[in-house]
Amino acid sequence: MKSRLFLRCLLMLGAVCSLAAAMAAAAAGAYPERPVRLVVPYPPGGSADVLARVLAQTLAQREGINVVVENRPGGGTVIGARYVAAAPADGQTLLLGTVSSHAMMPALNADVGYDPVRDFTPVASLASIPFVLVARPALGVKDVQGLLALARETPGRISYASAGVGTSNHLAGELLDAQAGVRTMHVPYRGSAPALNGLLGDQVDVMFDLVPTAMPHLKTGALVALGSTGAERTSFLPEVPTLREQGLGDYDVTAWFGLFGPAGLAPDVVARWDGAVRAALLDPAVRTQLAGLGVAPDVRSSSEFADFVAQEWARWRGVVSHAGVVAAP
């Protein structure tokens, strides 16, 4: 009697263990089990937010991955980045990080509350948007060499607008000064739109603006394109030479975007997202949609992206140190 009861218990225990194993296997294969939060460290409506929503829609259609975009702006991307750095490394919370969150802001302020390399897992490179150096027509310059000649004749007189201290169009100007050996005057505004309006109103001389927002004014002649800022000419302005072509040998500034998870994200989770994002960015329909927004897809492996992020952080630390830029109070 006792032996039968013992055997029945063993059988029941085996069944329970098998069920538990099956449930665990099912759960492991069902990642993500619930909607993934994609944190955007900017307000709704900007380039990063639009890119996140295009990605979320594409992943839902192609991969069946439910992604909820969550805007957490503030601190020049610092608020959203801190939030994701402190989240559990379970793949349920990701960050749409940028050159600002993972290179410029940490280089500018050592107290951002996170290390852009140590505290994150680079998951996938997404896209980039090039800048173009634009000038007010009355300045009378047509290219970068003309601008630099004028800057050398009148040190500190050529002014350039930015969206604020430490922003990408500010540090693009600092990099130009450092590489060309000139001194220009930085004029910070409270955002990119006011800065562009200041340039259009002849309050400042030049600005590094994102290509999509500059293009309408270039077409009307309200602004003059002096050079694009990427390593190669942008397909959106193929007739405009890069700053590299005009004598600044390694000048390269782009607004890049990528996916990050908290540190310690499991390799299989990284591989799942890396493959899904790569497939999405290679989809002709997605590429056409992004091109309409002035965004260039950037397809590279997660390991290549990790190396790129580390290099960008080191590069912008050098720019900030050389220029003596300090964070706004």
Protein backbone atom coordinates (compact mmCIF):
# COMPACT_ATOMS: atom_id res chain seq x y z
CA MET A 1 0.00 0.00 0.00
CA LYS A 2 2.75 2.37 1.03
CA SER A 3 4.79 1.50 -2.06
CA ARG A 4 1.81 2.28 -4.32
CA LEU A 5 1.27 5.61 -2.58
CA PHE A 6 4.99 6.42 -2.92
CA LEU A 7 4.90 5.50 -6.63
CA ARG A 8 1.80 7.66 -7.17
CA CYS A 9 3.53 10.60 -5.46
CA LEU A 10 6.56 10.13 -7.66
CA LEU A 11 4.37 10.10 -10.78
CA MET A 12 2.52 13.22 -9.65
CA LEU A 13 5.80 14.97 -8.84
CA GLY A 14 7.13 14.03 -12.25
CA ALA A 15 4.02 15.40 -13.92
CA VAL A 16 4.30 18.67 -11.98
CA CYS A 17 7.97 19.00 -12.88
CA SER A 18 7.23 18.31 -16.55
CA LEU A 19 4.46 20.90 -16.54
CA ALA A 20 6.73 23.45 -14.88
CA ALA A 21 9.46 22.75 -17.39
CA ALA A 22 7.01 23.10 -20.27
CA MET A 23 5.68 26.37 -18.88
CA ALA A 24 9.22 27.70 -18.43
CA ALA A 25 10.13 26.71 -21.96
CA ALA A 26 7.00 28.34 -23.32
CA ALA A 27 7.70 31.48 -21.37
CA ALA A 28 11.28 31.55 -22.57
CA GLY A 29 10.15 31.26 -26.15
CA ALA A 30 7.41 33.86 -25.77
CA TYR A 31 9.62 36.86 -25.02
CA PRO A 32 8.51 39.52 -24.68
CA GLU A 33 5.69 38.32 -22.44
CA ARG A 34 4.11 41.79 -22.25
CA PRO A 35 4.42 45.08 -24.14
CA VAL A 36 7.94 46.48 -24.19
CA ARG A 37 8.33 50.09 -23.10
CA LEU A 38 10.48 52.13 -25.47
CA VAL A 39 11.52 55.25 -23.59
CA VAL A 40 12.13 58.36 -25.69
CA PRO A 41 14.04 61.06 -23.75
CA TYR A 42 12.38 63.85 -25.74
CA PRO A 43 8.88 65.35 -25.94
CA PRO A 44 6.42 63.98 -28.52
CA GLY A 45 6.70 65.18 -32.11
CA GLY A 46 10.46 65.43 -32.57
CA SER A 47 12.71 63.31 -34.77
CA ALA A 48 13.45 60.75 -32.03
CA ASP A 49 9.78 60.39 -31.14
CA VAL A 50 8.71 59.94 -34.77
CA LEU A 51 11.48 57.37 -35.34
CA ALA A 52 10.39 55.44 -32.24
CA ARG A 53 6.79 55.29 -33.42
CA VAL A 54 7.75 54.15 -36.92
CA LEU A 55 9.89 51.43 -35.34
CA ALA A 56 7.11 50.37 -32.95
CA GLN A 57 4.59 50.08 -35.77
CA THR A 58 6.99 48.14 -37.98
CA LEU A 59 7.98 45.67 -35.24
CA ALA A 60 4.34 45.05 -34.38
CA GLN A 61 3.54 44.26 -38.02
CA ARG A 62 6.66 42.25 -38.86
CA GLU A 63 7.61 40.55 -35.58
CA GLY A 64 4.46 40.64 -33.48
CA ILE A 65 6.34 42.60 -30.81
CA ASN A 66 4.10 45.02 -28.95
CA VAL A 67 6.06 48.21 -28.26
CA VAL A 68 4.66 51.12 -26.26
CA VAL A 69 6.45 54.44 -26.78
CA GLU A 70 6.87 56.35 -23.52
CA ASN A 71 8.15 59.94 -23.61
CA ARG A 72 10.31 60.94 -20.63
CA PRO A 73 11.85 64.29 -21.58
CA GLY A 74 13.98 66.52 -19.42
CA GLY A 75 17.58 67.34 -18.62
CA GLY A 76 18.65 67.25 -22.24
CA THR A 77 17.90 63.47 -22.46
CA VAL A 78 19.24 62.76 -18.96
CA ILE A 79 15.88 61.99 -17.30
CA GLY A 80 14.92 59.24 -19.73
CA ALA A 81 18.42 57.76 -19.83
CA ARG A 82 18.60 57.56 -16.04
CA TYR A 83 15.23 55.84 -15.92
CA VAL A 84 16.29 53.06 -18.29
CA ALA A 85 19.71 52.64 -16.69
CA ALA A 86 17.96 51.87 -13.39
CA ALA A 87 15.33 49.54 -14.90
CA PRO A 88 15.50 45.73 -14.54
CA ALA A 89 17.61 44.07 -17.25
CA ASP A 90 14.74 41.88 -18.42
CA GLY A 91 14.27 43.32 -21.92
CA GLN A 92 10.96 44.96 -21.03
CA THR A 93 12.34 48.51 -20.90
CA LEU A 94 14.52 49.95 -23.67
CA LEU A 95 15.78 53.43 -24.50
CA LEU A 96 15.87 55.19 -27.83
CA GLY A 97 19.25 56.77 -27.12
CA THR A 98 21.02 59.42 -29.15
CA VAL A 99 24.34 61.17 -29.56
CA SER A 100 23.12 63.56 -26.86
CA SER A 101 22.21 60.92 -24.25
CA HIS A 102 25.25 58.71 -24.82
CA ALA A 103 28.04 61.05 -25.85
CA MET A 104 27.44 64.78 -25.55
CA MET A 105 25.57 65.15 -22.25
CA PRO A 106 27.81 62.72 -20.32
CA ALA A 107 30.87 64.47 -21.78
CA LEU A 108 29.49 67.85 -20.76
CA ASN A 109 28.39 66.92 -17.25
CA ALA A 110 30.03 64.23 -15.13
CA ASP A 111 27.01 64.29 -12.78
CA VAL A 112 24.39 63.04 -15.24
CA GLY A 113 23.85 60.03 -12.99
CA TYR A 114 24.90 57.26 -15.36
CA ASP A 115 27.86 55.99 -17.34
CA PRO A 116 26.88 55.79 -21.04
CA VAL A 117 29.01 52.68 -21.58
CA ARG A 118 29.02 50.83 -18.25
CA ASP A 119 25.34 51.30 -17.38
CA PHE A 120 23.78 50.28 -20.70
CA THR A 121 23.69 47.41 -23.16
CA PRO A 122 23.85 48.66 -26.77
CA VAL A 123 21.18 46.68 -28.61
CA ALA A 124 20.89 48.00 -32.16
CA SER A 125 21.90 50.93 -34.27
CA LEU A 126 18.88 52.63 -35.85
CA ALA A 127 19.46 55.73 -37.94
CA SER A 128 21.18 59.06 -38.33
CA ILE A 129 20.27 62.56 -39.45
CA PRO A 130 23.05 64.74 -40.86
CA PHE A 131 23.48 68.41 -40.10
CA VAL A 132 24.15 71.14 -42.63
CA LEU A 133 26.03 74.36 -41.88
CA VAL A 134 23.77 77.16 -43.11
CA ALA A 135 24.34 80.90 -43.31
CA ARG A 136 22.22 84.01 -43.75
CA PRO A 137 22.62 85.23 -47.36
CA ALA A 138 23.66 88.76 -46.28
CA LEU A 139 26.83 87.32 -44.73
CA GLY A 140 28.13 86.94 -48.27
CA VAL A 141 29.85 83.55 -47.95
CA LYS A 142 29.17 80.55 -50.19
CA ASP A 143 31.26 77.78 -48.65
CA VAL A 144 33.16 76.75 -45.52
CA GLN A 145 36.49 78.18 -46.63
CA GLY A 146 34.84 81.56 -47.20
CA LEU A 147 33.37 81.42 -43.69
CA LEU A 148 36.71 80.46 -42.13
CA ALA A 149 38.51 83.26 -43.98
CA LEU A 150 36.00 85.73 -42.57
CA ALA A 151 36.36 84.23 -39.09
CA ARG A 152 40.13 84.66 -39.22
CA GLU A 153 39.81 88.28 -40.33
CA THR A 154 37.39 89.09 -37.49
CA PRO A 155 38.07 86.71 -34.55
CA GLY A 156 35.04 86.25 -32.32
CA ARG A 157 32.72 88.22 -34.61
CA ILE A 158 31.10 85.37 -36.58
CA SER A 159 28.15 84.17 -34.49
CA TYR A 160 26.40 80.81 -34.61
CA ALA A 161 23.07 79.81 -33.09
CA SER A 162 22.33 76.66 -31.12
CA ALA A 163 19.44 75.09 -29.23
CA GLY A 164 21.35 75.65 -25.98
CA VAL A 165 24.62 74.95 -24.21
CA GLY A 166 25.75 71.37 -24.76
CA THR A 167 23.35 70.60 -27.59
CA SER A 168 24.53 68.94 -30.76
CA ASN A 169 24.49 72.11 -32.85
CA HIS A 170 26.46 73.88 -30.14
CA LEU A 171 29.17 71.23 -29.95
CA ALA A 172 29.27 71.01 -33.75
CA GLY A 173 30.39 74.65 -33.68
CA GLU A 174 32.96 73.97 -30.98
CA LEU A 175 34.37 71.14 -33.07
CA LEU A 176 34.61 73.45 -36.09
CA ASP A 177 36.53 76.04 -34.06
CA ALA A 178 38.89 73.38 -32.70
CA GLN A 179 39.66 71.76 -36.04
CA ALA A 180 39.89 74.97 -38.08
CA GLY A 181 41.78 76.97 -35.46
CA VAL A 182 39.27 79.85 -35.46
CA ARG A 183 37.21 81.58 -32.78
CA THR A 184 33.50 82.16 -33.32
CA MET A 185 30.78 83.40 -30.97
CA HIS A 186 28.23 80.94 -29.65
CA VAL A 187 24.67 82.28 -29.21
CA PRO A 188 22.46 79.79 -27.33
CA TYR A 189 18.69 79.85 -27.74
CA ARG A 190 15.94 77.96 -25.92
CA GLY A 191 15.52 75.27 -28.56
CA SER A 192 16.23 74.60 -32.22
CA ALA A 193 13.17 76.44 -33.56
CA PRO A 194 14.03 79.76 -31.86
CA ALA A 195 17.65 79.35 -32.98
CA LEU A 196 16.59 78.86 -36.59
CA ASN A 197 14.28 81.86 -36.36
CA GLY A 198 17.18 83.91 -35.03
CA LEU A 199 19.23 82.97 -38.08
CA LEU A 200 16.36 83.70 -40.46
CA GLY A 201 15.95 87.07 -38.76
CA ASP A 202 19.63 87.98 -39.25
CA GLN A 203 20.28 87.96 -35.49
CA VAL A 204 23.14 85.49 -35.97
CA ASP A 205 25.34 84.51 -38.91
CA VAL A 206 25.30 80.72 -39.18
CA MET A 207 23.88 77.57 -37.63
CA PHE A 208 24.36 73.81 -37.75
CA ASP A 209 20.81 72.66 -38.45
CA LEU A 210 19.35 69.24 -39.16
CA VAL A 211 18.94 68.71 -42.89
CA PRO A 212 15.14 68.09 -42.80
CA THR A 213 14.39 71.42 -41.10
CA ALA A 214 16.94 73.38 -43.14
CA MET A 215 15.86 72.12 -46.58
CA PRO A 216 12.70 74.24 -47.01
CA HIS A 217 14.71 77.41 -46.34
CA LEU A 218 17.49 76.34 -48.69
CA LYS A 219 14.95 75.80 -51.46
CA THR A 220 13.54 79.32 -51.08
CA GLY A 221 16.97 80.94 -50.82
CA ALA A 222 16.32 82.18 -47.30
CA LEU A 223 19.49 80.33 -46.22
CA VAL A 224 22.73 79.29 -47.94
CA ALA A 225 24.19 75.80 -47.47
CA LEU A 226 27.92 75.93 -46.75
CA GLY A 227 28.58 72.26 -46.12
CA SER A 228 27.14 69.05 -44.69
CA THR A 229 28.64 67.56 -41.56
CA GLY A 230 28.78 63.80 -42.15
CA ALA A 231 31.70 61.69 -43.32
CA GLU A 232 30.05 61.53 -46.77
CA ARG A 233 27.62 63.75 -48.64
CA THR A 234 24.01 63.29 -47.64
CA SER A 235 21.65 61.94 -50.26
CA PHE A 236 19.17 64.63 -49.22
CA LEU A 237 21.59 67.38 -50.36
CA PRO A 238 23.93 65.60 -52.79
CA GLU A 239 25.15 68.85 -54.35
CA VAL A 240 26.45 70.20 -51.01
CA PRO A 241 30.05 69.16 -50.21
CA THR A 242 30.98 67.97 -46.74
CA LEU A 243 33.18 69.94 -44.36
CA ARG A 244 35.73 67.17 -44.85
CA GLU A 245 35.84 67.87 -48.56
CA GLN A 246 36.43 71.53 -47.79
CA GLY A 247 39.57 71.02 -45.75
CA LEU A 248 38.44 69.69 -42.35
CA GLY A 249 39.89 66.22 -42.71
CA ASP A 250 38.03 64.21 -40.05
CA TYR A 251 35.05 66.41 -39.26
CA ASP A 252 31.97 64.24 -38.66
CA VAL A 253 28.84 65.23 -36.75
CA THR A 254 25.53 63.43 -37.09
CA ALA A 255 22.48 63.09 -34.90
CA TRP A 256 22.49 59.31 -34.45
CA PHE A 257 19.90 57.09 -32.80
CA GLY A 258 20.03 53.59 -31.35
CA LEU A 259 18.36 51.13 -28.99
CA PHE A 260 19.81 50.54 -25.51
CA GLY A 261 18.84 48.35 -22.61
CA PRO A 262 20.05 48.43 -19.02
CA ALA A 263 23.45 46.88 -18.31
CA GLY A 264 23.40 43.07 -18.16
CA LEU A 265 20.75 42.51 -20.81
CA ALA A 266 20.79 38.82 -21.83
CA PRO A 267 22.59 38.04 -25.12
CA ASP A 268 19.55 36.23 -26.53
CA VAL A 269 17.39 39.31 -25.91
CA VAL A 270 19.98 41.50 -27.63
CA ALA A 271 20.12 39.07 -30.56
CA ARG A 272 16.31 39.06 -30.87
CA TRP A 273 16.13 42.85 -31.09
CA ASP A 274 19.23 43.17 -33.23
CA GLY A 275 17.78 40.81 -35.83
CA ALA A 276 14.32 42.35 -35.73
CA VAL A 277 15.61 45.90 -36.11
CA ARG A 278 18.01 44.91 -38.88
CA ALA A 279 15.20 43.26 -40.85
CA ALA A 280 12.98 46.31 -40.35
CA LEU A 281 15.63 48.76 -41.52
CA LEU A 282 16.29 46.70 -44.64
CA ASP A 283 12.60 46.73 -45.57
CA PRO A 284 12.21 48.99 -48.66
CA ALA A 285 8.89 50.35 -47.38
CA VAL A 286 10.47 51.37 -44.07
CA ARG A 287 13.46 52.94 -45.80
CA THR A 288 11.12 54.96 -48.01
CA GLN A 289 9.16 56.10 -44.99
CA LEU A 290 12.30 57.18 -43.15
CA ALA A 291 13.67 58.93 -46.23
CA GLY A 292 10.51 61.02 -46.32
CA LEU A 293 11.40 62.18 -42.80
CA GLY A 294 14.99 63.00 -43.74
CA VAL A 295 16.30 60.02 -41.76
CA ALA A 296 18.99 57.65 -43.04
CA PRO A 297 18.84 54.05 -41.70
CA ASP A 298 22.05 52.89 -40.03
CA VAL A 299 22.42 49.11 -40.14
CA ARG A 300 25.29 47.70 -38.10
CA SER A 301 25.65 44.83 -35.61
CA SER A 302 25.15 45.31 -31.89
CA SER A 303 28.88 44.79 -31.27
CA GLU A 304 29.80 47.35 -33.92
CA PHE A 305 27.29 49.73 -32.40
CA ALA A 306 28.81 49.24 -28.94
CA ASP A 307 32.26 50.16 -30.28
CA PHE A 308 30.81 53.18 -32.07
CA VAL A 309 29.12 54.49 -28.91
CA ALA A 310 32.34 54.18 -26.89
CA GLN A 311 34.27 56.04 -29.61
CA GLU A 312 31.67 58.81 -29.79
CA TRP A 313 31.74 59.34 -26.03
CA ALA A 314 35.53 59.57 -26.04
CA ARG A 315 35.51 61.95 -29.01
CA TRP A 316 33.01 64.37 -27.50
CA ARG A 317 34.81 64.32 -24.14
CA GLY A 318 37.84 65.58 -26.04
CA VAL A 319 35.83 68.32 -27.80
CA VAL A 320 34.27 69.52 -24.54
CA SER A 321 37.61 69.49 -22.74
CA HIS A 322 39.37 71.39 -25.53
CA ALA A 323 36.63 74.01 -25.74
CA GLY A 324 36.23 74.42 -21.99
CA VAL A 325 32.46 74.08 -22.31
CA VAL A 326 30.58 73.93 -19.01
CA ALA A 327 27.02 72.76 -18.40
CA ALA A 328 24.36 75.40 -18.06
CA PRO A 329 23.35 75.97 -14.41
